[in-house]
Amino acid sequence: MRTVTILLSGTILSVAAFAAPAAAQDHTMIMAHTLSDTGHPMYQAFMRLKSEIEERSDGRVEVLDQGGGALGGDREIMEGTIFGDIQFGPMSSSAAVQFVPELAVFDIPYVIPADNEARYALLNEGALAQAIGAAMEAKGLKFMGVMDGGFRNLTTKGVAVHSPDDIAAAGLRVRVQENPIHIAIWRNLGAAPTPIAFTELYGALQQGVVDAQENPYGHILSQRFYEVQTHLVNTNHILLANINAVNLEWYDSLPEDVRQAVDEGFEIATKFQWEVQAELQDSQRAQLAGHMTIIDLESEELAQFQEKTSDVVDMVRERAGDDIVDILMTALGN
């Protein structure tokens, strides 16, 4: 034992300093996203992730929730995650594609399975998940699985849509993400696609900057888009695949046991989110039916949407590359 003398506010103090191991290093994981509705399945999953990682790491990792767009929109969050200012930036594949082109594979309309188990296996296990992981690592990101945001559906104000001709006749200005493939999809369907940040969408609908938008049930509810839209058309054209993206340098810097805690936390939270999403589908539809007119397309009507967007796969191949598109199609048996 040794004695250290410290001068504090004019007083000499003798402090016994015992030889002891250094305190465990703390790690901070800033979790930035645009959701604010605590009832949303993904928000619930983020909170589950926070508790799982903090508990499994014995408090060595503190997860700081920065939701509601506190650190910016999709672009800012993804850039922050790549540069390491944000450690975890969950991001829809359609927004992340501007940084990881291979993620455009999710933008091929009408190919992702409707069956929950088949969809989970496709996106989180096997060859496609490995290909996504490799593409993200090349951009400095660690792939930690896909959360299921639900399929995107069209909502409008005062326009009942049953076909692409209805969209064209109304000259619908449809809000889309800043994604050239989504823009092409809605142009093919006769709309005037208009990129607007998600955090600004409600105001844009309210003020008539755009007439329509496309999002899954959960987002339509959580953002209260039903207050400024009257019709919901179940187009189910693209899955909102929410990519769990973690800064790779931060992840690699963690001690092995802490990395294991993070891995386990993501696996548990992701499976939890899929379960909650599946359970809420019917109740979400029922809630929306209380506010909006819901249109279920007949098979021949849906076929028109599929036909109008069938050439989008060629654009995806140009952007994402043949390899990852072929992996997807092989996994689907096509």
Protein backbone atom coordinates (compact mmCIF):
# COMPACT_ATOMS: atom_id res chain seq x y z
CA MET A 1 0.00 0.00 0.00
CA ARG A 2 1.16 3.55 -0.77
CA THR A 3 -0.07 6.93 0.42
CA VAL A 4 -0.82 9.72 -2.08
CA THR A 5 -0.95 13.31 -0.90
CA ILE A 6 -3.59 15.51 -2.60
CA LEU A 7 -4.04 19.26 -2.23
CA LEU A 8 -7.76 20.03 -2.25
CA SER A 9 -9.12 23.53 -1.50
CA GLY A 10 -6.10 24.35 0.64
CA THR A 11 -6.34 21.19 2.70
CA ILE A 12 -3.72 18.42 2.67
CA LEU A 13 -5.35 15.01 2.46
CA SER A 14 -3.63 11.65 2.70
CA VAL A 15 -5.29 9.03 0.56
CA ALA A 16 -4.50 5.35 0.75
CA ALA A 17 -4.21 3.99 -2.75
CA PHE A 18 -4.53 0.25 -2.87
CA ALA A 19 -3.25 -1.84 -5.72
CA ALA A 20 -6.40 -2.95 -7.56
CA PRO A 21 -7.37 -3.84 -11.11
CA ALA A 22 -8.55 -0.98 -13.31
CA ALA A 23 -12.30 -0.49 -13.60
CA ALA A 24 -13.94 -2.13 -16.59
CA GLN A 25 -14.05 0.12 -19.64
CA ASP A 26 -17.45 1.58 -20.45
CA HIS A 27 -18.81 1.75 -23.99
CA THR A 28 -21.55 3.98 -25.37
CA MET A 29 -23.87 2.95 -28.19
CA ILE A 30 -25.82 5.90 -29.57
CA MET A 31 -28.98 4.50 -31.17
CA ALA A 32 -30.39 7.04 -33.64
CA HIS A 33 -33.69 6.61 -35.50
CA THR A 34 -36.70 8.59 -36.73
CA LEU A 35 -39.48 6.84 -34.76
CA SER A 36 -41.26 8.54 -31.88
CA ASP A 37 -44.30 6.30 -31.34
CA THR A 38 -43.41 4.06 -28.39
CA GLY A 39 -46.07 1.56 -29.46
CA HIS A 40 -44.48 0.91 -32.85
CA PRO A 41 -43.05 -2.64 -33.10
CA MET A 42 -39.62 -1.35 -34.11
CA TYR A 43 -39.54 1.21 -31.31
CA GLN A 44 -40.44 -1.59 -28.89
CA ALA A 45 -37.61 -3.66 -30.37
CA PHE A 46 -35.14 -0.81 -29.93
CA MET A 47 -36.05 -0.58 -26.26
CA ARG A 48 -35.71 -4.35 -25.93
CA LEU A 49 -32.31 -4.10 -27.59
CA LYS A 50 -31.23 -1.42 -25.13
CA SER A 51 -32.21 -3.51 -22.09
CA GLU A 52 -30.72 -6.74 -23.49
CA ILE A 53 -27.33 -5.21 -24.34
CA GLU A 54 -27.04 -3.30 -21.08
CA GLU A 55 -28.01 -6.35 -19.04
CA ARG A 56 -25.89 -8.87 -20.97
CA SER A 57 -22.84 -6.61 -20.83
CA ASP A 58 -23.29 -6.12 -17.06
CA GLY A 59 -23.68 -2.41 -17.64
CA ARG A 60 -20.43 -2.05 -19.60
CA VAL A 61 -22.41 -0.76 -22.61
CA GLU A 62 -24.77 2.18 -22.23
CA VAL A 63 -27.31 2.45 -25.03
CA LEU A 64 -28.48 6.03 -25.58
CA ASP A 65 -31.80 6.30 -27.43
CA GLN A 66 -31.92 9.24 -29.84
CA GLY A 67 -35.29 8.73 -31.52
CA GLY A 68 -37.77 10.95 -33.28
CA GLY A 69 -35.17 12.25 -35.72
CA ALA A 70 -33.21 13.95 -32.92
CA LEU A 71 -29.96 13.39 -34.85
CA GLY A 72 -31.47 13.97 -38.30
CA GLY A 73 -33.28 12.07 -41.01
CA ASP A 74 -32.30 8.93 -42.89
CA ARG A 75 -29.29 10.42 -44.69
CA GLU A 76 -27.84 12.05 -41.58
CA ILE A 77 -28.26 8.91 -39.50
CA MET A 78 -26.60 6.66 -42.07
CA GLU A 79 -23.72 9.10 -42.61
CA GLY A 80 -23.28 9.39 -38.84
CA THR A 81 -23.16 5.61 -38.50
CA ILE A 82 -20.61 5.21 -41.29
CA PHE A 83 -18.38 7.92 -39.80
CA GLY A 84 -18.75 6.58 -36.25
CA ASP A 85 -20.57 9.53 -34.67
CA ILE A 86 -23.52 7.13 -34.26
CA GLN A 87 -22.89 3.52 -33.26
CA PHE A 88 -26.27 2.06 -34.28
CA GLY A 89 -28.37 3.57 -37.06
CA PRO A 90 -31.33 1.37 -37.99
CA MET A 91 -32.26 2.28 -41.54
CA SER A 92 -34.76 1.20 -44.15
CA SER A 93 -32.99 -0.51 -47.03
CA SER A 94 -34.58 1.96 -49.46
CA ALA A 95 -32.87 4.87 -47.70
CA ALA A 96 -29.56 3.09 -47.08
CA VAL A 97 -29.20 2.14 -50.75
CA GLN A 98 -27.57 5.49 -51.52
CA PHE A 99 -24.64 4.33 -49.36
CA VAL A 100 -24.79 0.55 -49.94
CA PRO A 101 -26.01 0.00 -53.53
CA GLU A 102 -26.45 -3.76 -53.03
CA LEU A 103 -29.40 -3.05 -50.72
CA ALA A 104 -31.37 -2.08 -53.83
CA VAL A 105 -32.14 -5.80 -54.05
CA PHE A 106 -34.97 -5.13 -51.56
CA ASP A 107 -36.55 -2.64 -53.98
CA ILE A 108 -37.60 -5.25 -56.54
CA PRO A 109 -41.41 -5.08 -56.33
CA TYR A 110 -43.56 -8.09 -55.55
CA VAL A 111 -40.84 -10.71 -54.92
CA ILE A 112 -40.35 -10.85 -51.13
CA PRO A 113 -42.42 -13.71 -49.62
CA ALA A 114 -45.62 -12.87 -47.76
CA ASP A 115 -45.11 -15.83 -45.42
CA ASN A 116 -43.50 -14.66 -42.18
CA GLU A 117 -41.20 -17.63 -41.55
CA ALA A 118 -40.00 -17.78 -45.13
CA ARG A 119 -39.36 -14.03 -45.13
CA TYR A 120 -37.39 -14.14 -41.86
CA ALA A 121 -35.23 -17.01 -43.07
CA LEU A 122 -34.55 -15.27 -46.39
CA LEU A 123 -33.49 -11.96 -44.83
CA ASN A 124 -31.68 -13.08 -41.69
CA GLU A 125 -30.18 -16.46 -42.54
CA GLY A 126 -28.35 -18.02 -45.47
CA ALA A 127 -26.72 -16.70 -48.62
CA LEU A 128 -28.62 -13.41 -49.00
CA ALA A 129 -27.87 -12.34 -45.41
CA GLN A 130 -24.18 -13.19 -45.94
CA ALA A 131 -24.07 -11.14 -49.14
CA ILE A 132 -25.70 -8.17 -47.40
CA GLY A 133 -23.20 -8.46 -44.55
CA ALA A 134 -20.24 -8.42 -46.94
CA ALA A 135 -21.56 -5.40 -48.84
CA MET A 136 -22.10 -3.45 -45.63
CA GLU A 137 -18.68 -4.31 -44.21
CA ALA A 138 -17.12 -2.83 -47.33
CA LYS A 139 -18.76 0.48 -46.30
CA GLY A 140 -17.62 0.32 -42.68
CA LEU A 141 -20.84 -1.13 -41.30
CA LYS A 142 -21.63 -4.30 -39.37
CA PHE A 143 -24.84 -6.03 -40.47
CA MET A 144 -26.89 -7.10 -37.45
CA GLY A 145 -30.01 -8.44 -39.13
CA VAL A 146 -33.22 -7.17 -40.68
CA MET A 147 -36.34 -6.03 -38.84
CA ASP A 148 -39.70 -6.36 -40.56
CA GLY A 149 -41.33 -2.99 -41.09
CA GLY A 150 -44.25 -4.44 -43.04
CA PHE A 151 -45.14 -4.05 -46.70
CA ARG A 152 -45.59 -0.59 -48.18
CA ASN A 153 -49.10 0.47 -49.20
CA LEU A 154 -50.36 3.55 -51.00
CA THR A 155 -52.50 6.17 -49.24
CA THR A 156 -54.24 9.06 -50.99
CA LYS A 157 -56.44 12.05 -50.28
CA GLY A 158 -59.80 11.75 -51.99
CA VAL A 159 -58.71 9.30 -54.69
CA ALA A 160 -59.86 5.68 -54.81
CA VAL A 161 -57.12 3.78 -56.65
CA HIS A 162 -57.81 0.40 -58.26
CA SER A 163 -55.30 0.55 -61.12
CA PRO A 164 -52.28 2.47 -62.40
CA ASP A 165 -54.70 4.29 -64.74
CA ASP A 166 -56.41 5.78 -61.67
CA ILE A 167 -53.06 7.10 -60.46
CA ALA A 168 -52.27 8.66 -63.83
CA ALA A 169 -55.74 10.15 -64.26
CA ALA A 170 -55.50 11.87 -60.88
CA GLY A 171 -51.95 13.03 -61.52
CA LEU A 172 -51.02 11.85 -58.03
CA ARG A 173 -47.98 13.44 -56.48
CA VAL A 174 -46.66 10.57 -54.38
CA ARG A 175 -44.06 11.18 -51.71
CA VAL A 176 -41.14 8.79 -52.06
CA GLN A 177 -37.77 8.34 -50.41
CA GLU A 178 -34.68 9.80 -52.06
CA ASN A 179 -34.22 6.60 -54.02
CA PRO A 180 -34.06 6.46 -57.85
CA ILE A 181 -35.64 3.00 -57.98
CA HIS A 182 -38.68 4.12 -55.98
CA ILE A 183 -38.94 7.15 -58.19
CA ALA A 184 -38.90 4.89 -61.27
CA ILE A 185 -41.54 2.58 -59.78
CA TRP A 186 -44.03 5.39 -59.25
CA ARG A 187 -43.30 6.99 -62.62
CA ASN A 188 -44.09 3.61 -64.19
CA LEU A 189 -47.36 3.61 -62.27
CA GLY A 190 -48.34 7.02 -63.64
CA ALA A 191 -47.57 9.15 -60.57
CA ALA A 192 -45.40 12.23 -60.06
CA PRO A 193 -42.93 10.91 -57.44
CA THR A 194 -41.67 13.57 -55.04
CA PRO A 195 -38.79 12.90 -52.60
CA ILE A 196 -39.50 14.35 -49.14
CA ALA A 197 -37.84 13.56 -45.80
CA PHE A 198 -39.93 11.26 -43.61
CA THR A 199 -39.84 13.75 -40.72
CA GLU A 200 -41.41 16.40 -43.02
CA LEU A 201 -44.02 14.16 -44.62
CA TYR A 202 -47.03 14.90 -42.41
CA GLY A 203 -46.70 18.63 -43.03
CA ALA A 204 -46.26 18.07 -46.76
CA LEU A 205 -49.48 16.04 -46.90
CA GLN A 206 -51.32 18.54 -44.74
CA GLN A 207 -50.25 21.49 -46.91
CA GLY A 208 -50.92 19.70 -50.20
CA VAL A 209 -47.30 19.62 -51.33
CA VAL A 210 -47.98 15.95 -52.14
CA ASP A 211 -51.30 14.10 -52.47
CA ALA A 212 -50.22 10.62 -51.49
CA GLN A 213 -47.54 8.55 -49.80
CA GLU A 214 -46.57 4.89 -49.39
CA ASN A 215 -45.71 3.26 -46.07
CA PRO A 216 -46.62 0.20 -44.00
CA TYR A 217 -49.55 0.18 -41.57
CA GLY A 218 -47.33 0.86 -38.56
CA HIS A 219 -45.86 4.05 -39.99
CA ILE A 220 -49.25 5.29 -41.20
CA LEU A 221 -50.57 4.89 -37.66
CA SER A 222 -47.58 6.13 -35.71
CA GLN A 223 -47.27 9.28 -37.84
CA ARG A 224 -51.05 9.80 -37.94
CA PHE A 225 -51.06 10.08 -41.72
CA TYR A 226 -54.71 8.99 -41.62
CA GLU A 227 -55.53 12.51 -40.41
CA VAL A 228 -54.46 13.95 -43.77
CA GLN A 229 -55.26 10.98 -46.06
CA THR A 230 -58.60 9.33 -46.80
CA HIS A 231 -57.87 6.10 -48.71
CA LEU A 232 -55.49 3.22 -48.13
CA VAL A 233 -54.77 0.91 -51.08
CA ASN A 234 -53.20 -2.45 -50.21
CA THR A 235 -50.60 -2.48 -52.97
CA ASN A 236 -48.06 -4.40 -50.82
CA HIS A 237 -45.43 -3.54 -53.41
CA ILE A 238 -42.19 -3.38 -51.40
CA LEU A 239 -41.19 -4.64 -47.96
CA LEU A 240 -39.86 -2.02 -45.58
CA ALA A 241 -36.75 -3.98 -44.64
CA ASN A 242 -35.19 -2.20 -41.70
CA ILE A 243 -31.45 -2.86 -41.72
CA ASN A 244 -29.65 -3.01 -38.38
CA ALA A 245 -26.43 -1.15 -39.19
CA VAL A 246 -23.68 -0.79 -36.58
CA ASN A 247 -20.43 1.13 -37.02
CA LEU A 248 -17.87 -1.58 -37.80
CA GLU A 249 -14.87 0.14 -36.20
CA TRP A 250 -16.77 0.58 -32.93
CA TYR A 251 -17.98 -3.03 -33.02
CA ASP A 252 -14.47 -4.38 -33.66
CA SER A 253 -13.07 -2.27 -30.81
CA LEU A 254 -15.27 -4.02 -28.24
CA PRO A 255 -13.83 -6.79 -26.04
CA GLU A 256 -14.90 -10.24 -27.20
CA ASP A 257 -17.38 -10.79 -24.34
CA VAL A 258 -18.98 -7.39 -24.96
CA ARG A 259 -19.29 -8.15 -28.69
CA GLN A 260 -21.06 -11.36 -27.73
CA ALA A 261 -23.47 -9.39 -25.55
CA VAL A 262 -24.18 -7.03 -28.46
CA ASP A 263 -24.67 -9.95 -30.87
CA GLU A 264 -27.10 -11.69 -28.52
CA GLY A 265 -28.97 -8.46 -27.87
CA PHE A 266 -29.55 -7.87 -31.59
CA GLU A 267 -30.62 -11.46 -32.22
CA ILE A 268 -33.18 -11.39 -29.40
CA ALA A 269 -34.51 -7.91 -30.24
CA THR A 270 -34.82 -8.71 -33.95
CA LYS A 271 -36.80 -11.91 -33.35
CA PHE A 272 -38.95 -10.04 -30.83
CA GLN A 273 -39.72 -7.33 -33.40
CA TRP A 274 -40.81 -9.87 -36.01
CA GLU A 275 -43.15 -11.49 -33.49
CA VAL A 276 -44.72 -8.17 -32.44
CA GLN A 277 -45.06 -7.05 -36.07
CA ALA A 278 -46.90 -10.25 -37.01
CA GLU A 279 -49.22 -10.02 -33.99
CA LEU A 280 -50.16 -6.39 -34.69
CA GLN A 281 -50.97 -6.63 -38.42
CA ASP A 282 -54.68 -7.32 -38.00
CA SER A 283 -55.20 -4.81 -35.21
CA GLN A 284 -53.30 -2.12 -37.15
CA ARG A 285 -55.54 -2.68 -40.15
CA ALA A 286 -58.62 -2.47 -37.93
CA GLN A 287 -57.42 0.82 -36.44
CA LEU A 288 -56.82 2.29 -39.88
CA ALA A 289 -60.23 1.09 -41.07
CA GLY A 290 -61.73 3.35 -38.42
CA HIS A 291 -60.20 6.38 -40.11
CA MET A 292 -59.77 5.51 -43.80
CA THR A 293 -61.43 3.69 -46.68
CA ILE A 294 -59.37 0.52 -47.25
CA ILE A 295 -59.16 -0.88 -50.77
CA ASP A 296 -58.07 -4.49 -51.30
CA LEU A 297 -57.05 -4.97 -54.91
CA GLU A 298 -58.57 -7.80 -56.89
CA SER A 299 -56.06 -10.23 -58.43
CA GLU A 300 -56.49 -8.77 -61.91
CA GLU A 301 -56.04 -5.23 -60.53
CA LEU A 302 -52.89 -6.23 -58.66
CA ALA A 303 -51.56 -7.85 -61.83
CA GLN A 304 -51.63 -4.43 -63.52
CA PHE A 305 -49.32 -3.02 -60.81
CA GLN A 306 -47.02 -6.01 -61.16
CA GLU A 307 -46.87 -5.68 -64.94
CA LYS A 308 -46.15 -1.94 -64.86
CA THR A 309 -43.21 -2.46 -62.49
CA SER A 310 -41.81 -5.70 -63.91
CA ASP A 311 -38.85 -4.02 -65.63
CA VAL A 312 -37.60 -2.46 -62.39
CA VAL A 313 -35.50 -5.58 -61.77
CA ASP A 314 -33.23 -4.50 -64.66
CA MET A 315 -32.62 -1.16 -62.96
CA VAL A 316 -31.90 -2.95 -59.68
CA ARG A 317 -29.36 -5.17 -61.43
CA GLU A 318 -27.57 -2.07 -62.75
CA ARG A 319 -27.45 -0.54 -59.28
CA ALA A 320 -27.03 -3.53 -56.96
CA GLY A 321 -25.16 -5.86 -59.29
CA ASP A 322 -26.12 -9.18 -60.82
CA ASP A 323 -24.52 -11.24 -58.05
CA ILE A 324 -26.80 -10.23 -55.19
CA VAL A 325 -29.92 -10.20 -57.40
CA ASP A 326 -29.07 -13.74 -58.54
CA ILE A 327 -28.61 -14.81 -54.91
CA LEU A 328 -32.08 -13.49 -54.09
CA MET A 329 -33.71 -15.10 -57.11
CA THR A 330 -32.00 -18.44 -56.43
CA ALA A 331 -33.18 -18.34 -52.83
CA LEU A 332 -36.71 -17.70 -54.11
CA GLY A 333 -36.46 -20.57 -56.58
CA ASN A 334 -36.64 -18.26 -59.61
